[in-house]
Amino acid sequence: MVDKPFEITVKFQQVFGGHWYPIVQTIFLRSDGTRIRLPLLFDTGADSLVLHPDYEIMFSNLQPQKYKGIGSAGTYDGKKTMGKIEIFGRVIECDVSVLSASAFGRPLVNST
């Protein structure tokens, strides 16, 4: 039998009244060298990282952005930037969206 072990596994944590979620520890690397640790929900269907506006202060280079809601004809105002994060022992650059609206915890679709 072929053995195919996983390099990394994501453990589920019990939060929010007894529900279990795949929470991963993420470190945001700011250009000034500051490291900000933030636990995030690991969503395998997401194509970008979405944060609540409370975390907008972590970024100095946000640009206005319109987002379409999943199953919605309207758009939502938000902001977007490129961010550098450390996750799973690797440092990557990725799109970071900051907006207050989401569809069941999943990111909204970029409208531009």
N, C-alpha and C. Protein backbone atom coordinates (compact mmCIF):
# COMPACT_ATOMS: atom_id res chain seq x y z
N MET A 1 0.84 -1.18 0.00
CA MET A 1 0.00 0.00 0.00
C MET A 1 0.89 1.25 0.00
N VAL A 2 0.53 2.22 -0.81
CA VAL A 2 1.28 3.47 -0.91
C VAL A 2 0.93 4.37 0.27
N ASP A 3 1.95 4.91 0.91
CA ASP A 3 1.76 5.82 2.03
C ASP A 3 1.89 7.26 1.53
N LYS A 4 0.86 8.06 1.72
CA LYS A 4 0.88 9.46 1.29
C LYS A 4 0.58 10.36 2.49
N PRO A 5 1.57 10.57 3.34
CA PRO A 5 1.32 11.42 4.51
C PRO A 5 1.19 12.88 4.11
N PHE A 6 0.42 13.59 4.89
CA PHE A 6 0.25 15.02 4.65
C PHE A 6 1.41 15.77 5.28
N GLU A 7 1.88 16.81 4.59
CA GLU A 7 2.95 17.64 5.12
C GLU A 7 2.43 18.48 6.28
N ILE A 8 1.20 18.95 6.16
CA ILE A 8 0.58 19.81 7.17
C ILE A 8 -0.87 19.38 7.34
N THR A 9 -1.34 19.34 8.56
CA THR A 9 -2.76 19.13 8.81
C THR A 9 -3.30 20.33 9.58
N VAL A 10 -4.53 20.67 9.31
CA VAL A 10 -5.18 21.79 9.99
C VAL A 10 -6.12 21.22 11.03
N LYS A 11 -5.86 21.56 12.28
CA LYS A 11 -6.69 21.06 13.38
C LYS A 11 -7.89 21.97 13.57
N PHE A 12 -9.02 21.36 13.91
CA PHE A 12 -10.22 22.11 14.21
C PHE A 12 -10.21 22.49 15.68
N GLN A 13 -10.73 23.69 15.97
CA GLN A 13 -10.80 24.17 17.34
C GLN A 13 -12.24 24.49 17.68
N GLN A 14 -12.62 24.19 18.91
CA GLN A 14 -13.98 24.45 19.35
C GLN A 14 -14.09 25.91 19.80
N VAL A 15 -14.97 26.65 19.13
CA VAL A 15 -15.17 28.07 19.43
C VAL A 15 -16.64 28.42 19.25
N PHE A 16 -17.01 29.62 19.61
CA PHE A 16 -18.35 30.16 19.36
C PHE A 16 -19.48 29.21 19.76
N GLY A 17 -19.58 28.95 21.03
CA GLY A 17 -20.70 28.16 21.52
C GLY A 17 -20.65 26.70 21.18
N GLY A 18 -19.46 26.14 21.06
CA GLY A 18 -19.34 24.70 20.85
C GLY A 18 -19.15 24.25 19.42
N HIS A 19 -19.13 25.18 18.46
CA HIS A 19 -18.90 24.80 17.06
C HIS A 19 -17.41 24.60 16.82
N TRP A 20 -17.09 23.75 15.85
CA TRP A 20 -15.69 23.44 15.53
C TRP A 20 -15.32 24.09 14.20
N TYR A 21 -14.18 24.78 14.17
CA TYR A 21 -13.71 25.47 12.98
C TYR A 21 -12.22 25.19 12.74
N PRO A 22 -11.81 25.18 11.46
CA PRO A 22 -10.37 25.04 11.17
C PRO A 22 -9.69 26.41 11.31
N ILE A 23 -9.09 26.65 12.46
CA ILE A 23 -8.44 27.92 12.75
C ILE A 23 -6.94 27.75 12.58
N VAL A 24 -6.33 28.65 11.80
CA VAL A 24 -4.89 28.60 11.58
C VAL A 24 -4.24 29.86 12.12
N GLN A 25 -3.04 29.71 12.65
CA GLN A 25 -2.29 30.86 13.16
C GLN A 25 -1.57 31.53 12.00
N THR A 26 -1.84 32.80 11.82
CA THR A 26 -1.26 33.57 10.72
C THR A 26 -0.50 34.76 11.29
N ILE A 27 0.62 35.08 10.70
CA ILE A 27 1.39 36.24 11.12
C ILE A 27 1.46 37.21 9.94
N PHE A 28 0.96 38.42 10.15
CA PHE A 28 1.04 39.47 9.14
C PHE A 28 2.37 40.18 9.32
N LEU A 29 3.12 40.31 8.22
CA LEU A 29 4.44 40.93 8.25
C LEU A 29 4.33 42.32 7.64
N ARG A 30 4.45 43.33 8.49
CA ARG A 30 4.35 44.70 8.00
C ARG A 30 5.69 45.17 7.47
N SER A 31 5.65 46.19 6.62
CA SER A 31 6.88 46.70 6.00
C SER A 31 7.85 47.30 7.02
N ASP A 32 7.34 47.71 8.19
CA ASP A 32 8.22 48.26 9.23
C ASP A 32 8.84 47.18 10.11
N GLY A 33 8.59 45.90 9.76
CA GLY A 33 9.16 44.79 10.52
C GLY A 33 8.26 44.25 11.62
N THR A 34 7.16 44.93 11.88
CA THR A 34 6.21 44.47 12.90
C THR A 34 5.55 43.17 12.46
N ARG A 35 5.41 42.25 13.40
CA ARG A 35 4.75 40.97 13.15
C ARG A 35 3.47 40.94 13.97
N ILE A 36 2.33 40.77 13.31
CA ILE A 36 1.05 40.75 14.00
C ILE A 36 0.43 39.37 13.84
N ARG A 37 0.24 38.69 14.96
CA ARG A 37 -0.33 37.34 14.96
C ARG A 37 -1.86 37.45 14.96
N LEU A 38 -2.50 36.72 14.05
CA LEU A 38 -3.95 36.76 13.95
C LEU A 38 -4.47 35.37 13.56
N PRO A 39 -5.25 34.74 14.42
CA PRO A 39 -5.85 33.46 14.05
C PRO A 39 -6.96 33.68 13.03
N LEU A 40 -6.97 32.88 11.97
CA LEU A 40 -7.96 33.04 10.91
C LEU A 40 -8.64 31.71 10.61
N LEU A 41 -9.86 31.81 10.10
CA LEU A 41 -10.59 30.63 9.64
C LEU A 41 -9.97 30.16 8.33
N PHE A 42 -9.59 28.90 8.26
CA PHE A 42 -9.00 28.34 7.05
C PHE A 42 -10.14 27.93 6.13
N ASP A 43 -10.25 28.58 4.98
CA ASP A 43 -11.33 28.34 4.04
C ASP A 43 -10.73 27.88 2.71
N THR A 44 -10.87 26.60 2.42
CA THR A 44 -10.25 26.05 1.21
C THR A 44 -10.90 26.57 -0.07
N GLY A 45 -12.08 27.17 0.02
CA GLY A 45 -12.74 27.70 -1.16
C GLY A 45 -12.46 29.17 -1.42
N ALA A 46 -11.71 29.80 -0.54
CA ALA A 46 -11.45 31.23 -0.68
C ALA A 46 -10.29 31.48 -1.64
N ASP A 47 -10.38 32.57 -2.39
CA ASP A 47 -9.27 32.93 -3.27
C ASP A 47 -8.57 34.20 -2.80
N SER A 48 -9.02 34.76 -1.70
CA SER A 48 -8.33 35.90 -1.11
C SER A 48 -8.58 35.91 0.39
N LEU A 49 -7.81 36.70 1.07
CA LEU A 49 -7.91 36.81 2.51
C LEU A 49 -8.81 38.00 2.83
N VAL A 50 -9.85 37.80 3.64
CA VAL A 50 -10.80 38.86 3.95
C VAL A 50 -10.76 39.14 5.45
N LEU A 51 -10.57 40.42 5.78
CA LEU A 51 -10.54 40.85 7.17
C LEU A 51 -11.64 41.86 7.45
N HIS A 52 -12.07 41.91 8.69
CA HIS A 52 -13.05 42.89 9.15
C HIS A 52 -12.38 44.27 9.20
N PRO A 53 -13.13 45.35 9.03
CA PRO A 53 -12.54 46.70 9.08
C PRO A 53 -11.80 47.03 10.38
N ASP A 54 -12.06 46.30 11.45
CA ASP A 54 -11.31 46.52 12.69
C ASP A 54 -9.81 46.35 12.48
N TYR A 55 -9.42 45.56 11.48
CA TYR A 55 -8.00 45.27 11.23
C TYR A 55 -7.39 46.18 10.16
N GLU A 56 -8.15 47.16 9.70
CA GLU A 56 -7.69 48.09 8.67
C GLU A 56 -6.43 48.83 9.11
N ILE A 57 -6.29 49.06 10.39
CA ILE A 57 -5.15 49.80 10.93
C ILE A 57 -3.81 49.09 10.67
N MET A 58 -3.86 47.81 10.37
CA MET A 58 -2.63 47.05 10.12
C MET A 58 -2.00 47.39 8.78
N PHE A 59 -2.72 48.08 7.90
CA PHE A 59 -2.24 48.34 6.55
C PHE A 59 -2.23 49.83 6.25
N SER A 60 -1.17 50.29 5.62
CA SER A 60 -1.07 51.71 5.28
C SER A 60 -1.33 51.97 3.81
N ASN A 61 -1.48 50.94 3.01
CA ASN A 61 -1.59 51.11 1.56
C ASN A 61 -2.88 50.55 0.98
N LEU A 62 -3.99 50.70 1.69
CA LEU A 62 -5.28 50.20 1.22
C LEU A 62 -5.85 51.09 0.12
N GLN A 63 -6.45 50.46 -0.88
CA GLN A 63 -7.08 51.16 -1.98
C GLN A 63 -8.57 50.82 -2.00
N PRO A 64 -9.44 51.78 -2.32
CA PRO A 64 -10.88 51.49 -2.40
C PRO A 64 -11.16 50.38 -3.42
N GLN A 65 -12.15 49.56 -3.12
CA GLN A 65 -12.48 48.43 -3.98
C GLN A 65 -13.97 48.14 -3.84
N LYS A 66 -14.63 47.78 -4.94
CA LYS A 66 -16.03 47.35 -4.92
C LYS A 66 -16.06 45.83 -4.96
N TYR A 67 -16.99 45.23 -4.19
CA TYR A 67 -17.14 43.78 -4.14
C TYR A 67 -18.59 43.43 -4.40
N LYS A 68 -18.79 42.32 -5.11
CA LYS A 68 -20.13 41.79 -5.32
C LYS A 68 -20.37 40.68 -4.31
N GLY A 69 -21.55 40.67 -3.73
CA GLY A 69 -21.89 39.60 -2.81
C GLY A 69 -22.30 38.36 -3.56
N ILE A 70 -22.01 37.21 -3.01
CA ILE A 70 -22.39 35.95 -3.63
C ILE A 70 -23.92 35.87 -3.60
N GLY A 71 -24.54 35.73 -4.77
CA GLY A 71 -25.99 35.68 -4.86
C GLY A 71 -26.66 37.04 -4.73
N SER A 72 -25.90 38.11 -4.86
CA SER A 72 -26.43 39.45 -4.70
C SER A 72 -26.14 40.27 -5.95
N ALA A 73 -27.09 41.14 -6.31
CA ALA A 73 -26.88 42.00 -7.47
C ALA A 73 -26.13 43.27 -7.08
N GLY A 74 -26.15 43.63 -5.81
CA GLY A 74 -25.51 44.86 -5.35
C GLY A 74 -24.02 44.69 -5.12
N THR A 75 -23.38 45.82 -4.84
CA THR A 75 -21.95 45.80 -4.52
C THR A 75 -21.73 46.34 -3.12
N TYR A 76 -20.59 46.01 -2.56
CA TYR A 76 -20.20 46.47 -1.24
C TYR A 76 -18.90 47.25 -1.37
N ASP A 77 -18.78 48.30 -0.58
CA ASP A 77 -17.54 49.06 -0.54
C ASP A 77 -16.56 48.38 0.39
N GLY A 78 -15.34 48.30 -0.04
CA GLY A 78 -14.29 47.72 0.78
C GLY A 78 -12.96 48.32 0.38
N LYS A 79 -11.91 47.70 0.84
CA LYS A 79 -10.56 48.14 0.50
C LYS A 79 -9.72 46.91 0.23
N LYS A 80 -8.63 47.12 -0.54
CA LYS A 80 -7.80 45.99 -0.95
C LYS A 80 -6.34 46.42 -0.93
N THR A 81 -5.47 45.45 -0.65
CA THR A 81 -4.04 45.68 -0.69
C THR A 81 -3.34 44.34 -0.90
N MET A 82 -2.05 44.40 -1.14
CA MET A 82 -1.22 43.19 -1.12
C MET A 82 -0.60 43.11 0.26
N GLY A 83 -0.64 41.94 0.84
CA GLY A 83 -0.06 41.76 2.15
C GLY A 83 0.92 40.60 2.16
N LYS A 84 1.81 40.63 3.11
CA LYS A 84 2.76 39.54 3.28
C LYS A 84 2.40 38.83 4.57
N ILE A 85 2.19 37.52 4.47
CA ILE A 85 1.83 36.75 5.65
C ILE A 85 2.73 35.52 5.78
N GLU A 86 2.82 35.05 7.00
CA GLU A 86 3.50 33.79 7.27
C GLU A 86 2.44 32.80 7.72
N ILE A 87 2.35 31.70 6.99
CA ILE A 87 1.36 30.67 7.30
C ILE A 87 1.95 29.31 6.92
N PHE A 88 1.74 28.34 7.76
CA PHE A 88 2.27 26.99 7.53
C PHE A 88 3.78 26.98 7.33
N GLY A 89 4.48 27.90 8.00
CA GLY A 89 5.93 27.94 7.92
C GLY A 89 6.47 28.57 6.65
N ARG A 90 5.60 29.16 5.86
CA ARG A 90 6.02 29.80 4.61
C ARG A 90 5.59 31.26 4.61
N VAL A 91 6.35 32.11 3.94
CA VAL A 91 6.00 33.52 3.77
C VAL A 91 5.48 33.70 2.35
N ILE A 92 4.28 34.27 2.24
CA ILE A 92 3.68 34.48 0.93
C ILE A 92 3.11 35.90 0.85
N GLU A 93 2.98 36.41 -0.37
CA GLU A 93 2.27 37.66 -0.61
C GLU A 93 0.92 37.30 -1.20
N CYS A 94 -0.12 37.96 -0.71
CA CYS A 94 -1.46 37.64 -1.20
C CYS A 94 -2.34 38.88 -1.14
N ASP A 95 -3.47 38.83 -1.88
CA ASP A 95 -4.47 39.88 -1.80
C ASP A 95 -5.11 39.85 -0.42
N VAL A 96 -5.28 41.02 0.17
CA VAL A 96 -5.98 41.15 1.44
C VAL A 96 -7.11 42.14 1.21
N SER A 97 -8.33 41.70 1.49
CA SER A 97 -9.50 42.56 1.37
C SER A 97 -9.98 42.92 2.77
N VAL A 98 -10.42 44.16 2.92
CA VAL A 98 -10.97 44.62 4.19
C VAL A 98 -12.38 45.11 3.91
N LEU A 99 -13.38 44.41 4.47
CA LEU A 99 -14.76 44.80 4.30
C LEU A 99 -15.62 44.19 5.38
N SER A 100 -16.75 44.79 5.64
CA SER A 100 -17.59 44.32 6.73
C SER A 100 -18.63 43.31 6.28
N ALA A 101 -18.90 43.24 5.00
CA ALA A 101 -19.93 42.33 4.51
C ALA A 101 -19.31 41.05 3.96
N SER A 102 -19.96 39.93 4.22
CA SER A 102 -19.54 38.66 3.63
C SER A 102 -20.75 37.75 3.53
N ALA A 103 -20.63 36.72 2.75
CA ALA A 103 -21.70 35.76 2.58
C ALA A 103 -21.35 34.49 3.34
N PHE A 104 -21.90 34.33 4.51
CA PHE A 104 -21.68 33.16 5.35
C PHE A 104 -20.19 32.90 5.60
N GLY A 105 -19.47 33.98 5.87
CA GLY A 105 -18.06 33.84 6.20
C GLY A 105 -17.13 33.66 5.02
N ARG A 106 -17.67 33.65 3.82
CA ARG A 106 -16.84 33.46 2.64
C ARG A 106 -16.59 34.82 1.99
N PRO A 107 -15.45 34.98 1.35
CA PRO A 107 -15.15 36.28 0.75
C PRO A 107 -16.12 36.62 -0.38
N LEU A 108 -16.27 37.90 -0.57
CA LEU A 108 -17.08 38.38 -1.67
C LEU A 108 -16.27 38.41 -2.94
N VAL A 109 -16.93 38.44 -4.07
CA VAL A 109 -16.26 38.41 -5.36
C VAL A 109 -15.83 39.83 -5.74
N ASN A 110 -14.58 39.97 -6.13
CA ASN A 110 -14.05 41.26 -6.58
C ASN A 110 -14.79 41.67 -7.84
N SER A 111 -15.35 42.87 -7.87
CA SER A 111 -16.16 43.28 -9.02
C SER A 111 -15.40 43.95 -10.14
N THR A 112 -14.09 44.20 -9.95
CA THR A 112 -13.34 44.84 -11.02
C THR A 112 -12.29 43.92 -11.58
